[in-house]
């Protein structure tokens, strides 16, 4: 038992009677403005990420040790 087309039609008629045409159309306009603002904000966020170069890693002084050269082994053939 789901919603049939008749149920949906009755629901839409009641919604129109309660809210009126003007209220519903203004509500849809507000929703459209919200979507546009969201898309604009996402586009600005993407451009901000691509414009700023990544920061260089900071070096911590005094903690790194100098690399040690590997010991050379001399093998003699007998």
Protein backbone atom coordinates (compact mmCIF):
# COMPACT_ATOMS: atom_id res chain seq x y z
CA UNK A 1 0.00 0.00 0.00
CA UNK A 2 1.85 2.99 -1.27
CA UNK A 3 0.89 6.43 -2.38
CA UNK A 4 -1.06 6.40 -5.60
CA UNK A 5 -1.40 9.29 -8.03
CA UNK A 6 -4.79 10.08 -6.47
CA UNK A 7 -3.25 10.51 -3.03
CA UNK A 8 -0.56 12.79 -4.41
CA UNK A 9 -3.15 14.88 -6.27
CA UNK A 10 -5.21 15.34 -3.09
CA UNK A 11 -2.06 16.28 -1.15
CA UNK A 12 -1.10 18.90 -3.76
CA UNK A 13 -4.60 20.43 -3.74
CA UNK A 14 -4.57 20.71 0.05
CA UNK A 15 -1.07 22.24 0.00
CA UNK A 16 -2.21 24.83 -2.56
CA UNK A 17 -5.24 25.69 -0.46
CA UNK A 18 -3.20 26.09 2.72
CA UNK A 19 -0.22 27.98 1.37
CA UNK A 20 -1.48 29.58 -1.83
CA UNK A 21 0.34 29.97 -5.12
CA UNK A 22 2.37 32.99 -4.08
CA UNK A 23 3.78 31.41 -0.95
CA UNK A 24 4.87 28.22 -2.73
CA UNK A 25 6.50 30.08 -5.65
CA UNK A 26 8.41 32.37 -3.28
CA UNK A 27 9.53 29.34 -1.30
CA UNK A 28 10.86 27.71 -4.48
CA UNK A 29 12.68 30.94 -5.35
CA UNK A 30 14.36 30.94 -1.94
CA UNK A 31 15.44 27.34 -2.44
CA UNK A 32 16.91 28.21 -5.86
CA UNK A 33 18.86 31.14 -4.38
CA UNK A 34 20.22 28.86 -1.67
CA UNK A 35 21.41 26.34 -4.25
CA UNK A 36 23.10 29.08 -6.30
CA UNK A 37 24.85 30.45 -3.20
CA UNK A 38 26.05 26.96 -2.29
CA UNK A 39 27.46 26.33 -5.78
CA UNK A 40 29.18 29.74 -5.77
CA UNK A 41 30.75 29.01 -2.38
CA UNK A 42 32.01 25.62 -3.58
CA UNK A 43 33.53 27.20 -6.71
CA UNK A 44 35.29 29.88 -4.63
CA UNK A 45 36.63 27.21 -2.30
CA UNK A 46 38.09 25.25 -5.23
CA UNK A 47 39.80 28.32 -6.71
CA UNK A 48 41.25 29.27 -3.32
CA UNK A 49 42.84 25.83 -3.01
CA UNK A 50 44.46 25.97 -6.45
CA UNK A 51 45.79 29.54 -6.12
CA UNK A 52 47.77 29.10 -2.90
CA UNK A 53 50.98 27.07 -3.28
CA UNK A 54 51.64 24.44 -0.64
CA UNK A 55 53.84 25.54 2.22
CA UNK A 56 57.36 24.15 2.45
CA UNK A 57 57.90 21.71 5.29
CA UNK A 58 59.51 23.30 8.31
CA UNK A 59 62.93 22.02 9.35
CA UNK A 60 63.52 21.24 12.99
CA UNK A 61 67.01 22.30 13.91
CA UNK A 62 69.27 20.23 16.10
CA UNK A 63 67.46 16.92 15.78
CA UNK A 64 68.75 15.55 12.48
CA UNK A 65 71.96 13.56 12.45
CA UNK A 66 74.43 13.58 9.62
CA UNK A 67 74.25 10.51 7.40
CA UNK A 68 76.97 7.97 8.01
CA UNK A 69 78.82 6.54 5.04
CA UNK A 70 78.54 2.76 4.78
CA UNK A 71 81.60 0.86 5.96
CA UNK A 72 83.70 -0.45 3.14
CA UNK A 73 84.70 -4.04 3.45
CA UNK A 74 87.73 -5.43 1.76
CA UNK A 75 87.53 -9.03 0.85
CA UNK A 76 90.70 -10.85 -0.07
CA UNK A 77 90.64 -13.73 -2.43
CA UNK A 78 92.66 -16.65 -1.33
